[in-house]
Every structure is written in structure tokens, then in C-alpha cells.
Amino acid sequence: MAYDRRKLVGMIDELLSENPRISLLQIARELGIERHTIEKAVHHVRQMSFLAHRQKELVRRAQVLLNDKRAFGEKEVAAKLGFASLEAFIRFTKVQTGMTPKQLRKRLWHTIPDTES
């Protein structure tokens, strides 16, 4: 069966926005599609592997939570994103962005204008 790759990636993006830690196998089961089809669609549309796409979404979600002016603690952000520990979240953030969550938060708060005026 042929799939519209853009629509398929849209569905994948929805699932990732709900749960950025969802696995390729879980998405395949949820959509009733072979994992290879998903991998090919993501690569075709996003020009990156599924894993890279999922990590990018996870970083985006981390940035949103870290930028929240209610100031979720790093441990809370790690838990919300499904990390087993704060240390695992710090390592992931450092590898993906070159900054610790604390450094990333500081940069976000200094570069994004406050909209709560």
C-alpha cells in the first residue's frame, strides 16, 4: 500500500508531540504500519532518521518546559519528558545542545522576550 509520506509524518509528529519518548515500534503498532515505512517517510520528508527526528522533538519539548516562567525544576522537566533520572536528562541535553539544562534555561530566558506583560 502506498502512503502519502507528508500525511504519515504529520501523524508521527502528532504522536511525538503527545509523547516525545514514544518508540518507533510503538508508533508502528499505533498506526498499523511497518516500521520501515515510517523510517522511509521520516527520512524522505525530514531528511533525517527517525531517531534524530524524535530527539529533535524531545529537545524542543525540553526547551518549552525550561522556558516556562512557572520555572519547572530540572528534575520536574526530566520526569515530564520520561527520563529515568536527572543525570540522564542532563547528559541528553548536553549531547543534543552543548549546554546543560540550567545553561539552556538561562539562554532561553535571556533571548526570548517576556510575553506576560
C-alpha atoms as a PDB file:
ATOM      1  CA  MET A   1       0.000   0.000   0.000  1.00  0.00           C
ATOM      2  CA  ALA A   2       1.294   3.464  -0.886  1.00  0.00           C
ATOM      3  CA  TYR A   3       1.188   6.177   1.761  1.00  0.00           C
ATOM      4  CA  ASP A   4       1.218   9.929   1.475  1.00  0.00           C
ATOM      5  CA  ARG A   5       4.544  10.478   3.220  1.00  0.00           C
ATOM      6  CA  ARG A   6       3.743  14.010   4.350  1.00  0.00           C
ATOM      7  CA  LYS A   7       0.446  12.933   5.938  1.00  0.00           C
ATOM      8  CA  LEU A   8       2.181   9.974   7.553  1.00  0.00           C
ATOM      9  CA  VAL A   9       4.882  12.213   9.015  1.00  0.00           C
ATOM     10  CA  GLY A  10       2.124  14.550  10.233  1.00  0.00           C
ATOM     11  CA  MET A  11       0.574  11.646  12.144  1.00  0.00           C
ATOM     12  CA  ILE A  12       4.010  10.688  13.500  1.00  0.00           C
ATOM     13  CA  ASP A  13       4.582  14.284  14.601  1.00  0.00           C
ATOM     14  CA  GLU A  14       1.249  14.271  16.466  1.00  0.00           C
ATOM     15  CA  LEU A  15       2.246  11.115  18.328  1.00  0.00           C
ATOM     16  CA  LEU A  16       5.668  12.587  19.109  1.00  0.00           C
ATOM     17  CA  SER A  17       4.117  15.809  20.400  1.00  0.00           C
ATOM     18  CA  GLU A  18       1.944  13.759  22.769  1.00  0.00           C
ATOM     19  CA  ASN A  19       4.864  11.579  23.869  1.00  0.00           C
ATOM     20  CA  PRO A  20       8.338  12.510  22.582  1.00  0.00           C
ATOM     21  CA  ARG A  21       9.746   9.306  24.121  1.00  0.00           C
ATOM     22  CA  ILE A  22       7.484   7.020  22.057  1.00  0.00           C
ATOM     23  CA  SER A  23       9.430   4.341  20.225  1.00  0.00           C
ATOM     24  CA  LEU A  24       9.408   3.575  16.534  1.00  0.00           C
ATOM     25  CA  LEU A  25       7.837   0.205  17.307  1.00  0.00           C
ATOM     26  CA  GLN A  26       5.080   1.833  19.380  1.00  0.00           C
ATOM     27  CA  ILE A  27       4.305   4.250  16.543  1.00  0.00           C
ATOM     28  CA  ALA A  28       4.246   1.398  14.032  1.00  0.00           C
ATOM     29  CA  ARG A  29       1.773  -0.518  16.203  1.00  0.00           C
ATOM     30  CA  GLU A  30      -0.356   2.581  16.844  1.00  0.00           C
ATOM     31  CA  LEU A  31      -0.604   3.399  13.133  1.00  0.00           C
ATOM     32  CA  GLY A  32      -0.677  -0.191  11.898  1.00  0.00           C
ATOM     33  CA  ILE A  33       2.269   0.476   9.594  1.00  0.00           C
ATOM     34  CA  GLU A  34       5.614  -1.273   9.209  1.00  0.00           C
ATOM     35  CA  ARG A  35       8.476   0.484  10.976  1.00  0.00           C
ATOM     36  CA  HIS A  36      10.488   0.561   7.744  1.00  0.00           C
ATOM     37  CA  THR A  37       7.701   2.547   6.090  1.00  0.00           C
ATOM     38  CA  ILE A  38       7.810   5.045   8.942  1.00  0.00           C
ATOM     39  CA  GLU A  39      11.606   5.308   8.763  1.00  0.00           C
ATOM     40  CA  LYS A  40      11.489   5.900   4.999  1.00  0.00           C
ATOM     41  CA  ALA A  41       8.736   8.514   5.288  1.00  0.00           C
ATOM     42  CA  VAL A  42      10.551  10.464   8.015  1.00  0.00           C
ATOM     43  CA  HIS A  43      13.810  10.314   6.091  1.00  0.00           C
ATOM     44  CA  HIS A  44      12.113  11.473   2.880  1.00  0.00           C
ATOM     45  CA  VAL A  45      10.179  14.361   4.476  1.00  0.00           C
ATOM     46  CA  ARG A  46      12.504  15.474   7.298  1.00  0.00           C
ATOM     47  CA  GLN A  47      15.851  14.480   5.758  1.00  0.00           C
ATOM     48  CA  MET A  48      16.896  12.736   8.984  1.00  0.00           C
ATOM     49  CA  SER A  49      16.489   9.404  10.693  1.00  0.00           C
ATOM     50  CA  PHE A  50      13.505   8.685  12.901  1.00  0.00           C
ATOM     51  CA  LEU A  51      15.783   8.693  15.945  1.00  0.00           C
ATOM     52  CA  ALA A  52      17.221  12.119  15.069  1.00  0.00           C
ATOM     53  CA  HIS A  53      13.702  13.448  14.446  1.00  0.00           C
ATOM     54  CA  ARG A  54      12.485  12.097  17.790  1.00  0.00           C
ATOM     55  CA  GLN A  55      15.484  13.587  19.604  1.00  0.00           C
ATOM     56  CA  LYS A  56      14.874  16.947  17.943  1.00  0.00           C
ATOM     57  CA  GLU A  57      11.267  16.869  19.180  1.00  0.00           C
ATOM     58  CA  LEU A  58      12.449  15.923  22.670  1.00  0.00           C
ATOM     59  CA  VAL A  59      14.860  18.877  22.709  1.00  0.00           C
ATOM     60  CA  ARG A  60      12.075  21.175  21.502  1.00  0.00           C
ATOM     61  CA  ARG A  61       9.779  19.991  24.312  1.00  0.00           C
ATOM     62  CA  ALA A  62      12.591  20.390  26.856  1.00  0.00           C
ATOM     63  CA  GLN A  63      13.123  23.974  25.674  1.00  0.00           C
ATOM     64  CA  VAL A  64       9.416  24.751  26.032  1.00  0.00           C
ATOM     65  CA  LEU A  65       9.346  23.382  29.578  1.00  0.00           C
ATOM     66  CA  LEU A  66      12.614  25.031  30.582  1.00  0.00           C
ATOM     67  CA  ASN A  67      11.382  28.357  29.221  1.00  0.00           C
ATOM     68  CA  ASP A  68       8.131  28.154  31.186  1.00  0.00           C
ATOM     69  CA  LYS A  69       8.061  31.140  33.531  1.00  0.00           C
ATOM     70  CA  ARG A  70       6.499  28.953  36.229  1.00  0.00           C
ATOM     71  CA  ALA A  71      10.047  27.603  36.360  1.00  0.00           C
ATOM     72  CA  PHE A  72       9.647  23.883  36.425  1.00  0.00           C
ATOM     73  CA  GLY A  73      12.710  22.484  38.137  1.00  0.00           C
ATOM     74  CA  GLU A  74      15.126  20.458  36.046  1.00  0.00           C
ATOM     75  CA  LYS A  75      14.037  17.310  37.864  1.00  0.00           C
ATOM     76  CA  GLU A  76      10.377  18.026  37.009  1.00  0.00           C
ATOM     77  CA  VAL A  77      11.228  18.628  33.357  1.00  0.00           C
ATOM     78  CA  ALA A  78      13.210  15.376  33.247  1.00  0.00           C
ATOM     79  CA  ALA A  79      10.257  13.483  34.735  1.00  0.00           C
ATOM     80  CA  LYS A  80       7.729  15.124  32.376  1.00  0.00           C
ATOM     81  CA  LEU A  81       9.872  14.050  29.427  1.00  0.00           C
ATOM     82  CA  GLY A  82      10.194  10.482  30.668  1.00  0.00           C
ATOM     83  CA  PHE A  83      13.845  10.420  31.687  1.00  0.00           C
ATOM     84  CA  ALA A  84      14.738   7.873  34.349  1.00  0.00           C
ATOM     85  CA  SER A  85      16.913  10.361  36.207  1.00  0.00           C
ATOM     86  CA  LEU A  86      18.014  13.968  36.270  1.00  0.00           C
ATOM     87  CA  GLU A  87      21.516  12.836  35.309  1.00  0.00           C
ATOM     88  CA  ALA A  88      20.191  11.128  32.150  1.00  0.00           C
ATOM     89  CA  PHE A  89      18.317  14.326  31.213  1.00  0.00           C
ATOM     90  CA  ILE A  90      21.413  16.453  31.784  1.00  0.00           C
ATOM     91  CA  ARG A  91      23.530  14.116  29.631  1.00  0.00           C
ATOM     92  CA  PHE A  92      20.923  14.090  26.846  1.00  0.00           C
ATOM     93  CA  THR A  93      20.605  17.889  26.873  1.00  0.00           C
ATOM     94  CA  LYS A  94      24.384  18.371  26.894  1.00  0.00           C
ATOM     95  CA  VAL A  95      24.860  15.999  23.935  1.00  0.00           C
ATOM     96  CA  GLN A  96      21.999  17.493  21.912  1.00  0.00           C
ATOM     97  CA  THR A  97      22.549  21.206  22.593  1.00  0.00           C
ATOM     98  CA  GLY A  98      26.060  21.524  24.007  1.00  0.00           C
ATOM     99  CA  MET A  99      24.544  23.005  27.169  1.00  0.00           C
ATOM    100  CA  THR A 100      23.228  21.720  30.457  1.00  0.00           C
ATOM    101  CA  PRO A 101      19.523  22.304  31.148  1.00  0.00           C
ATOM    102  CA  LYS A 102      20.497  25.134  33.515  1.00  0.00           C
ATOM    103  CA  GLN A 103      22.598  26.815  30.812  1.00  0.00           C
ATOM    104  CA  LEU A 104      19.873  26.253  28.215  1.00  0.00           C
ATOM    105  CA  ARG A 105      17.241  27.797  30.500  1.00  0.00           C
ATOM    106  CA  LYS A 106      19.448  30.819  31.144  1.00  0.00           C
ATOM    107  CA  ARG A 107      19.980  31.311  27.391  1.00  0.00           C
ATOM    108  CA  LEU A 108      16.261  30.896  26.641  1.00  0.00           C
ATOM    109  CA  TRP A 109      15.219  33.381  29.312  1.00  0.00           C
ATOM    110  CA  HIS A 110      17.697  35.947  28.013  1.00  0.00           C
ATOM    111  CA  THR A 111      16.883  35.580  24.305  1.00  0.00           C
ATOM    112  CA  ILE A 112      13.108  35.130  24.232  1.00  0.00           C
ATOM    113  CA  PRO A 113      11.098  38.260  25.076  1.00  0.00           C
ATOM    114  CA  ASP A 114       8.728  38.028  28.031  1.00  0.00           C
ATOM    115  CA  THR A 115       5.159  37.906  26.689  1.00  0.00           C
ATOM    116  CA  GLU A 116       3.497  38.147  30.109  1.00  0.00           C
ATOM    117  CA  SER A 117       3.480  41.948  30.343  1.00  0.00           C
END
